[in-house]
Amino acid sequence: MNQQLLIKSLELLKNGHFKAGYQMEQAHEICQDYEGEPTFDWIHALVHRIEGDDGNAEYWYRRAGKYRHPGSVADEWQTIWDEVT
């Protein structure tokens, strides 16, 4: 697990205000590079949740062994952040 890149991908999502755009795409690319590592797959699911692509998000949640957080995207981000840091 590359903690620095996990943190970077999470910071990109937060700095992009949890919206589609350049920063989210950068986070997406990082997660794709580490496909198969559960925490990266979890962030990957969050990226697709932000996009509104629920089917793709569910795929990545399954890959990560996680469930979609019942709260907001920001709440889920915080849960991941707390686990990573």
PDB file of N, CA and C in Angstrom:
ATOM      1  N   MET A   1       0.855  -1.185   0.000  1.00  0.00           N
ATOM      2  CA  MET A   1       0.000   0.000   0.000  1.00  0.00           C
ATOM      3  C   MET A   1       0.892   1.236   0.000  1.00  0.00           C
ATOM      4  N   ASN A   2       0.605   2.161  -0.865  1.00  0.00           N
ATOM      5  CA  ASN A   2       1.355   3.407  -0.956  1.00  0.00           C
ATOM      6  C   ASN A   2       0.545   4.511  -0.267  1.00  0.00           C
ATOM      7  N   GLN A   3       0.844   4.728   1.013  1.00  0.00           N
ATOM      8  CA  GLN A   3       0.064   5.675   1.805  1.00  0.00           C
ATOM      9  C   GLN A   3       0.129   7.089   1.239  1.00  0.00           C
ATOM     10  N   GLN A   4       1.284   7.491   0.728  1.00  0.00           N
ATOM     11  CA  GLN A   4       1.409   8.848   0.171  1.00  0.00           C
ATOM     12  C   GLN A   4       0.441   9.068  -0.986  1.00  0.00           C
ATOM     13  N   LEU A   5       0.310   8.079  -1.844  1.00  0.00           N
ATOM     14  CA  LEU A   5      -0.605   8.225  -2.979  1.00  0.00           C
ATOM     15  C   LEU A   5      -2.057   8.102  -2.549  1.00  0.00           C
ATOM     16  N   LEU A   6      -2.334   7.310  -1.514  1.00  0.00           N
ATOM     17  CA  LEU A   6      -3.694   7.276  -0.974  1.00  0.00           C
ATOM     18  C   LEU A   6      -4.077   8.669  -0.468  1.00  0.00           C
ATOM     19  N   ILE A   7      -3.182   9.271   0.292  1.00  0.00           N
ATOM     20  CA  ILE A   7      -3.434  10.610   0.832  1.00  0.00           C
ATOM     21  C   ILE A   7      -3.569  11.618  -0.298  1.00  0.00           C
ATOM     22  N   LYS A   8      -2.688  11.523  -1.288  1.00  0.00           N
ATOM     23  CA  LYS A   8      -2.760  12.460  -2.419  1.00  0.00           C
ATOM     24  C   LYS A   8      -4.097  12.344  -3.137  1.00  0.00           C
ATOM     25  N   SER A   9      -4.545  11.120  -3.390  1.00  0.00           N
ATOM     26  CA  SER A   9      -5.811  10.957  -4.110  1.00  0.00           C
ATOM     27  C   SER A   9      -6.974  11.509  -3.294  1.00  0.00           C
ATOM     28  N   LEU A  10      -6.951  11.305  -1.992  1.00  0.00           N
ATOM     29  CA  LEU A  10      -8.009  11.851  -1.138  1.00  0.00           C
ATOM     30  C   LEU A  10      -7.956  13.377  -1.086  1.00  0.00           C
ATOM     31  N   GLU A  11      -6.755  13.928  -1.001  1.00  0.00           N
ATOM     32  CA  GLU A  11      -6.619  15.385  -0.996  1.00  0.00           C
ATOM     33  C   GLU A  11      -7.108  15.992  -2.307  1.00  0.00           C
ATOM     34  N   LEU A  12      -6.831  15.321  -3.411  1.00  0.00           N
ATOM     35  CA  LEU A  12      -7.314  15.801  -4.711  1.00  0.00           C
ATOM     36  C   LEU A  12      -8.838  15.878  -4.725  1.00  0.00           C
ATOM     37  N   LEU A  13      -9.489  14.848  -4.208  1.00  0.00           N
ATOM     38  CA  LEU A  13     -10.955  14.855  -4.185  1.00  0.00           C
ATOM     39  C   LEU A  13     -11.488  15.996  -3.324  1.00  0.00           C
ATOM     40  N   LYS A  14     -10.885  16.182  -2.168  1.00  0.00           N
ATOM     41  CA  LYS A  14     -11.347  17.251  -1.275  1.00  0.00           C
ATOM     42  C   LYS A  14     -11.075  18.624  -1.874  1.00  0.00           C
ATOM     43  N   ASN A  15      -9.870  18.811  -2.411  1.00  0.00           N
ATOM     44  CA  ASN A  15      -9.520  20.105  -2.996  1.00  0.00           C
ATOM     45  C   ASN A  15     -10.378  20.431  -4.219  1.00  0.00           C
ATOM     46  N   GLY A  16     -10.885  19.401  -4.870  1.00  0.00           N
ATOM     47  CA  GLY A  16     -11.794  19.592  -6.003  1.00  0.00           C
ATOM     48  C   GLY A  16     -13.241  19.718  -5.568  1.00  0.00           C
ATOM     49  N   HIS A  17     -13.458  19.832  -4.247  1.00  0.00           N
ATOM     50  CA  HIS A  17     -14.795  20.023  -3.667  1.00  0.00           C
ATOM     51  C   HIS A  17     -15.745  18.878  -4.014  1.00  0.00           C
ATOM     52  N   PHE A  18     -15.175  17.665  -4.143  1.00  0.00           N
ATOM     53  CA  PHE A  18     -15.969  16.463  -4.409  1.00  0.00           C
ATOM     54  C   PHE A  18     -16.832  16.618  -5.661  1.00  0.00           C
ATOM     55  N   LYS A  19     -16.257  17.244  -6.677  1.00  0.00           N
ATOM     56  CA  LYS A  19     -16.958  17.448  -7.948  1.00  0.00           C
ATOM     57  C   LYS A  19     -16.097  16.931  -9.083  1.00  0.00           C
ATOM     58  N   ALA A  20     -16.771  16.601 -10.179  1.00  0.00           N
ATOM     59  CA  ALA A  20     -16.048  16.165 -11.370  1.00  0.00           C
ATOM     60  C   ALA A  20     -15.151  17.299 -11.853  1.00  0.00           C
ATOM     61  N   GLY A  21     -14.003  16.932 -12.370  1.00  0.00           N
ATOM     62  CA  GLY A  21     -13.062  17.914 -12.884  1.00  0.00           C
ATOM     63  C   GLY A  21     -11.654  17.344 -12.886  1.00  0.00           C
ATOM     64  N   TYR A  22     -10.703  18.217 -13.116  1.00  0.00           N
ATOM     65  CA  TYR A  22      -9.311  17.817 -13.271  1.00  0.00           C
ATOM     66  C   TYR A  22      -8.785  17.066 -12.050  1.00  0.00           C
ATOM     67  N   GLN A  23      -9.072  17.571 -10.850  1.00  0.00           N
ATOM     68  CA  GLN A  23      -8.546  16.934  -9.646  1.00  0.00           C
ATOM     69  C   GLN A  23      -9.152  15.550  -9.441  1.00  0.00           C
ATOM     70  N   MET A  24     -10.423  15.415  -9.732  1.00  0.00           N
ATOM     71  CA  MET A  24     -11.042  14.106  -9.603  1.00  0.00           C
ATOM     72  C   MET A  24     -10.433  13.142 -10.622  1.00  0.00           C
ATOM     73  N   GLU A  25     -10.162  13.615 -11.818  1.00  0.00           N
ATOM     74  CA  GLU A  25      -9.544  12.760 -12.828  1.00  0.00           C
ATOM     75  C   GLU A  25      -8.156  12.302 -12.393  1.00  0.00           C
ATOM     76  N   GLN A  26      -7.406  13.190 -11.752  1.00  0.00           N
ATOM     77  CA  GLN A  26      -6.087  12.802 -11.244  1.00  0.00           C
ATOM     78  C   GLN A  26      -6.223  11.714 -10.175  1.00  0.00           C
ATOM     79  N   ALA A  27      -7.173  11.881  -9.272  1.00  0.00           N
ATOM     80  CA  ALA A  27      -7.412  10.870  -8.240  1.00  0.00           C
ATOM     81  C   ALA A  27      -7.808   9.539  -8.883  1.00  0.00           C
ATOM     82  N   HIS A  28      -8.635   9.617  -9.904  1.00  0.00           N
ATOM     83  CA  HIS A  28      -9.084   8.423 -10.627  1.00  0.00           C
ATOM     84  C   HIS A  28      -7.892   7.684 -11.239  1.00  0.00           C
ATOM     85  N   GLU A  29      -6.992   8.430 -11.857  1.00  0.00           N
ATOM     86  CA  GLU A  29      -5.813   7.817 -12.478  1.00  0.00           C
ATOM     87  C   GLU A  29      -4.939   7.122 -11.445  1.00  0.00           C
ATOM     88  N   ILE A  30      -4.760   7.755 -10.289  1.00  0.00           N
ATOM     89  CA  ILE A  30      -3.964   7.127  -9.232  1.00  0.00           C
ATOM     90  C   ILE A  30      -4.602   5.800  -8.823  1.00  0.00           C
ATOM     91  N   CYS A  31      -5.904   5.819  -8.614  1.00  0.00           N
ATOM     92  CA  CYS A  31      -6.600   4.601  -8.191  1.00  0.00           C
ATOM     93  C   CYS A  31      -6.508   3.505  -9.244  1.00  0.00           C
ATOM     94  N   GLN A  32      -6.595   3.883 -10.498  1.00  0.00           N
ATOM     95  CA  GLN A  32      -6.479   2.886 -11.574  1.00  0.00           C
ATOM     96  C   GLN A  32      -5.099   2.254 -11.586  1.00  0.00           C
ATOM     97  N   ASP A  33      -4.074   3.049 -11.272  1.00  0.00           N
ATOM     98  CA  ASP A  33      -2.707   2.520 -11.245  1.00  0.00           C
ATOM     99  C   ASP A  33      -2.518   1.478 -10.145  1.00  0.00           C
ATOM    100  N   TYR A  34      -3.355   1.530  -9.111  1.00  0.00           N
ATOM    101  CA  TYR A  34      -3.237   0.605  -7.981  1.00  0.00           C
ATOM    102  C   TYR A  34      -4.456  -0.301  -7.859  1.00  0.00           C
ATOM    103  N   GLU A  35      -5.096  -0.540  -9.001  1.00  0.00           N
ATOM    104  CA  GLU A  35      -6.264  -1.420  -9.032  1.00  0.00           C
ATOM    105  C   GLU A  35      -5.933  -2.754  -8.382  1.00  0.00           C
ATOM    106  N   GLY A  36      -6.842  -3.232  -7.551  1.00  0.00           N
ATOM    107  CA  GLY A  36      -6.646  -4.492  -6.855  1.00  0.00           C
ATOM    108  C   GLY A  36      -6.210  -4.307  -5.412  1.00  0.00           C
ATOM    109  N   GLU A  37      -5.775  -3.093  -5.059  1.00  0.00           N
ATOM    110  CA  GLU A  37      -5.461  -2.795  -3.668  1.00  0.00           C
ATOM    111  C   GLU A  37      -6.727  -2.206  -3.048  1.00  0.00           C
ATOM    112  N   PRO A  38      -7.262  -2.861  -2.021  1.00  0.00           N
ATOM    113  CA  PRO A  38      -8.598  -2.514  -1.520  1.00  0.00           C
ATOM    114  C   PRO A  38      -8.845  -1.044  -1.207  1.00  0.00           C
ATOM    115  N   THR A  39      -7.903  -0.353  -0.598  1.00  0.00           N
ATOM    116  CA  THR A  39      -8.179   1.043  -0.249  1.00  0.00           C
ATOM    117  C   THR A  39      -8.226   1.909  -1.501  1.00  0.00           C
ATOM    118  N   PHE A  40      -7.363   1.645  -2.471  1.00  0.00           N
ATOM    119  CA  PHE A  40      -7.441   2.370  -3.737  1.00  0.00           C
ATOM    120  C   PHE A  40      -8.758   2.061  -4.439  1.00  0.00           C
ATOM    121  N   ASP A  41      -9.202   0.809  -4.377  1.00  0.00           N
ATOM    122  CA  ASP A  41     -10.481   0.447  -4.992  1.00  0.00           C
ATOM    123  C   ASP A  41     -11.642   1.154  -4.291  1.00  0.00           C
ATOM    124  N   TRP A  42     -11.529   1.349  -2.991  1.00  0.00           N
ATOM    125  CA  TRP A  42     -12.560   2.076  -2.240  1.00  0.00           C
ATOM    126  C   TRP A  42     -12.626   3.532  -2.686  1.00  0.00           C
ATOM    127  N   ILE A  43     -11.466   4.159  -2.838  1.00  0.00           N
ATOM    128  CA  ILE A  43     -11.439   5.545  -3.327  1.00  0.00           C
ATOM    129  C   ILE A  43     -11.963   5.590  -4.757  1.00  0.00           C
ATOM    130  N   HIS A  44     -11.632   4.586  -5.536  1.00  0.00           N
ATOM    131  CA  HIS A  44     -12.129   4.487  -6.909  1.00  0.00           C
ATOM    132  C   HIS A  44     -13.659   4.450  -6.906  1.00  0.00           C
ATOM    133  N   ALA A  45     -14.237   3.704  -5.972  1.00  0.00           N
ATOM    134  CA  ALA A  45     -15.697   3.670  -5.836  1.00  0.00           C
ATOM    135  C   ALA A  45     -16.239   5.050  -5.516  1.00  0.00           C
ATOM    136  N   LEU A  46     -15.561   5.759  -4.634  1.00  0.00           N
ATOM    137  CA  LEU A  46     -15.999   7.103  -4.271  1.00  0.00           C
ATOM    138  C   LEU A  46     -15.943   8.040  -5.468  1.00  0.00           C
ATOM    139  N   VAL A  47     -14.921   7.911  -6.284  1.00  0.00           N
ATOM    140  CA  VAL A  47     -14.820   8.726  -7.507  1.00  0.00           C
ATOM    141  C   VAL A  47     -16.058   8.516  -8.373  1.00  0.00           C
ATOM    142  N   HIS A  48     -16.437   7.270  -8.573  1.00  0.00           N
ATOM    143  CA  HIS A  48     -17.601   6.994  -9.417  1.00  0.00           C
ATOM    144  C   HIS A  48     -18.903   7.412  -8.728  1.00  0.00           C
ATOM    145  N   ARG A  49     -18.932   7.361  -7.418  1.00  0.00           N
ATOM    146  CA  ARG A  49     -20.094   7.890  -6.693  1.00  0.00           C
ATOM    147  C   ARG A  49     -20.225   9.393  -6.946  1.00  0.00           C
ATOM    148  N   ILE A  50     -19.108  10.104  -6.895  1.00  0.00           N
ATOM    149  CA  ILE A  50     -19.117  11.542  -7.157  1.00  0.00           C
ATOM    150  C   ILE A  50     -19.626  11.819  -8.563  1.00  0.00           C
ATOM    151  N   GLU A  51     -19.211  10.999  -9.520  1.00  0.00           N
ATOM    152  CA  GLU A  51     -19.650  11.153 -10.908  1.00  0.00           C
ATOM    153  C   GLU A  51     -21.137  10.863 -11.088  1.00  0.00           C
ATOM    154  N   GLY A  52     -21.697  10.146 -10.139  1.00  0.00           N
ATOM    155  CA  GLY A  52     -23.090   9.731 -10.275  1.00  0.00           C
ATOM    156  C   GLY A  52     -23.242   8.422 -11.014  1.00  0.00           C
ATOM    157  N   ASP A  53     -22.138   7.718 -11.208  1.00  0.00           N
ATOM    158  CA  ASP A  53     -22.141   6.422 -11.899  1.00  0.00           C
ATOM    159  C   ASP A  53     -22.253   5.316 -10.840  1.00  0.00           C
ATOM    160  N   ASP A  54     -23.477   5.135 -10.342  1.00  0.00           N
ATOM    161  CA  ASP A  54     -23.692   4.218  -9.219  1.00  0.00           C
ATOM    162  C   ASP A  54     -23.360   2.771  -9.548  1.00  0.00           C
ATOM    163  N   GLY A  55     -23.643   2.327 -10.750  1.00  0.00           N
ATOM    164  CA  GLY A  55     -23.330   0.954 -11.130  1.00  0.00           C
ATOM    165  C   GLY A  55     -21.838   0.689 -11.077  1.00  0.00           C
ATOM    166  N   ASN A  56     -21.064   1.588 -11.618  1.00  0.00           N
ATOM    167  CA  ASN A  56     -19.607   1.443 -11.593  1.00  0.00           C
ATOM    168  C   ASN A  56     -19.087   1.569 -10.162  1.00  0.00           C
ATOM    169  N   ALA A  57     -19.667   2.485  -9.394  1.00  0.00           N
ATOM    170  CA  ALA A  57     -19.262   2.643  -7.997  1.00  0.00           C
ATOM    171  C   ALA A  57     -19.490   1.338  -7.232  1.00  0.00           C
ATOM    172  N   GLU A  58     -20.651   0.727  -7.432  1.00  0.00           N
ATOM    173  CA  GLU A  58     -20.952  -0.526  -6.726  1.00  0.00           C
ATOM    174  C   GLU A  58     -19.947  -1.621  -7.069  1.00  0.00           C
ATOM    175  N   TYR A  59     -19.526  -1.664  -8.326  1.00  0.00           N
ATOM    176  CA  TYR A  59     -18.503  -2.629  -8.739  1.00  0.00           C
ATOM    177  C   TYR A  59     -17.237  -2.432  -7.902  1.00  0.00           C
ATOM    178  N   TRP A  60     -16.799  -1.184  -7.759  1.00  0.00           N
ATOM    179  CA  TRP A  60     -15.563  -0.905  -7.027  1.00  0.00           C
ATOM    180  C   TRP A  60     -15.733  -1.099  -5.524  1.00  0.00           C
ATOM    181  N   TYR A  61     -16.927  -0.832  -5.007  1.00  0.00           N
ATOM    182  CA  TYR A  61     -17.171  -1.151  -3.588  1.00  0.00           C
ATOM    183  C   TYR A  61     -17.003  -2.645  -3.362  1.00  0.00           C
ATOM    184  N   ARG A  62     -17.548  -3.453  -4.254  1.00  0.00           N
ATOM    185  CA  ARG A  62     -17.403  -4.907  -4.117  1.00  0.00           C
ATOM    186  C   ARG A  62     -15.934  -5.307  -4.179  1.00  0.00           C
ATOM    187  N   ARG A  63     -15.208  -4.738  -5.118  1.00  0.00           N
ATOM    188  CA  ARG A  63     -13.781  -5.045  -5.250  1.00  0.00           C
ATOM    189  C   ARG A  63     -13.021  -4.680  -3.981  1.00  0.00           C
ATOM    190  N   ALA A  64     -13.447  -3.594  -3.337  1.00  0.00           N
ATOM    191  CA  ALA A  64     -12.782  -3.126  -2.120  1.00  0.00           C
ATOM    192  C   ALA A  64     -13.250  -3.864  -0.875  1.00  0.00           C
ATOM    193  N   GLY A  65     -14.337  -4.635  -1.005  1.00  0.00           N
ATOM    194  CA  GLY A  65     -14.902  -5.305   0.157  1.00  0.00           C
ATOM    195  C   GLY A  65     -15.617  -4.328   1.082  1.00  0.00           C
ATOM    196  N   LYS A  66     -16.175  -3.268   0.493  1.00  0.00           N
ATOM    197  CA  LYS A  66     -16.846  -2.216   1.263  1.00  0.00           C
ATOM    198  C   LYS A  66     -18.261  -2.021   0.749  1.00  0.00           C
ATOM    199  N   TYR A  67     -19.025  -1.261   1.522  1.00  0.00           N
ATOM    200  CA  TYR A  67     -20.367  -0.860   1.125  1.00  0.00           C
ATOM    201  C   TYR A  67     -20.398   0.651   0.991  1.00  0.00           C
ATOM    202  N   ARG A  68     -21.299   1.122   0.154  1.00  0.00           N
ATOM    203  CA  ARG A  68     -21.479   2.560   0.005  1.00  0.00           C
ATOM    204  C   ARG A  68     -21.863   3.156   1.354  1.00  0.00           C
ATOM    205  N   HIS A  69     -21.189   4.210   1.719  1.00  0.00           N
ATOM    206  CA  HIS A  69     -21.464   4.890   2.984  1.00  0.00           C
ATOM    207  C   HIS A  69     -22.866   5.487   2.930  1.00  0.00           C
ATOM    208  N   PRO A  70     -23.659   5.361   3.997  1.00  0.00           N
ATOM    209  CA  PRO A  70     -25.032   5.879   3.966  1.00  0.00           C
ATOM    210  C   PRO A  70     -25.114   7.400   4.014  1.00  0.00           C
ATOM    211  N   GLY A  71     -24.021   8.049   4.396  1.00  0.00           N
ATOM    212  CA  GLY A  71     -24.017   9.507   4.484  1.00  0.00           C
ATOM    213  C   GLY A  71     -23.598  10.160   3.176  1.00  0.00           C
ATOM    214  N   SER A  72     -23.162  11.370   3.289  1.00  0.00           N
ATOM    215  CA  SER A  72     -22.745  12.153   2.117  1.00  0.00           C
ATOM    216  C   SER A  72     -21.391  11.683   1.601  1.00  0.00           C
ATOM    217  N   VAL A  73     -21.036  12.181   0.430  1.00  0.00           N
ATOM    218  CA  VAL A  73     -19.713  11.905  -0.131  1.00  0.00           C
ATOM    219  C   VAL A  73     -18.641  12.393   0.846  1.00  0.00           C
ATOM    220  N   ALA A  74     -18.843  13.576   1.413  1.00  0.00           N
ATOM    221  CA  ALA A  74     -17.871  14.119   2.371  1.00  0.00           C
ATOM    222  C   ALA A  74     -17.747  13.220   3.599  1.00  0.00           C
ATOM    223  N   ASP A  75     -18.859  12.652   4.050  1.00  0.00           N
ATOM    224  CA  ASP A  75     -18.817  11.728   5.192  1.00  0.00           C
ATOM    225  C   ASP A  75     -18.016  10.479   4.843  1.00  0.00           C
ATOM    226  N   GLU A  76     -18.246   9.951   3.649  1.00  0.00           N
ATOM    227  CA  GLU A  76     -17.508   8.759   3.238  1.00  0.00           C
ATOM    228  C   GLU A  76     -16.032   9.081   3.085  1.00  0.00           C
ATOM    229  N   TRP A  77     -15.733  10.244   2.510  1.00  0.00           N
ATOM    230  CA  TRP A  77     -14.344  10.682   2.368  1.00  0.00           C
ATOM    231  C   TRP A  77     -13.676  10.689   3.742  1.00  0.00           C
ATOM    232  N   GLN A  78     -14.359  11.235   4.737  1.00  0.00           N
ATOM    233  CA  GLN A  78     -13.795  11.318   6.078  1.00  0.00           C
ATOM    234  C   GLN A  78     -13.541   9.936   6.661  1.00  0.00           C
ATOM    235  N   THR A  79     -14.437   9.002   6.405  1.00  0.00           N
ATOM    236  CA  THR A  79     -14.248   7.620   6.884  1.00  0.00           C
ATOM    237  C   THR A  79     -12.999   7.014   6.263  1.00  0.00           C
ATOM    238  N   ILE A  80     -12.825   7.217   4.968  1.00  0.00           N
ATOM    239  CA  ILE A  80     -11.624   6.693   4.299  1.00  0.00           C
ATOM    240  C   ILE A  80     -10.379   7.390   4.838  1.00  0.00           C
ATOM    241  N   TRP A  81     -10.449   8.709   4.958  1.00  0.00           N
ATOM    242  CA  TRP A  81      -9.315   9.501   5.471  1.00  0.00           C
ATOM    243  C   TRP A  81      -8.886   8.980   6.848  1.00  0.00           C
ATOM    244  N   ASP A  82      -9.872   8.758   7.711  1.00  0.00           N
ATOM    245  CA  ASP A  82      -9.573   8.291   9.065  1.00  0.00           C
ATOM    246  C   ASP A  82      -8.894   6.920   9.051  1.00  0.00           C
ATOM    247  N   GLU A  83      -9.264   6.103   8.098  1.00  0.00           N
ATOM    248  CA  GLU A  83      -8.650   4.777   7.998  1.00  0.00           C
ATOM    249  C   GLU A  83      -7.226   4.853   7.439  1.00  0.00           C
ATOM    250  N   VAL A  84      -7.000   5.779   6.536  1.00  0.00           N
ATOM    251  CA  VAL A  84      -5.701   5.889   5.862  1.00  0.00           C
ATOM    252  C   VAL A  84      -4.659   6.608   6.716  1.00  0.00           C
ATOM    253  N   THR A  85      -5.109   7.612   7.460  1.00  0.00           N
ATOM    254  CA  THR A  85      -4.138   8.451   8.191  1.00  0.00           C
ATOM    255  C   THR A  85      -4.015   8.055   9.647  1.00  0.00           C
TER     256      THR A  85
END
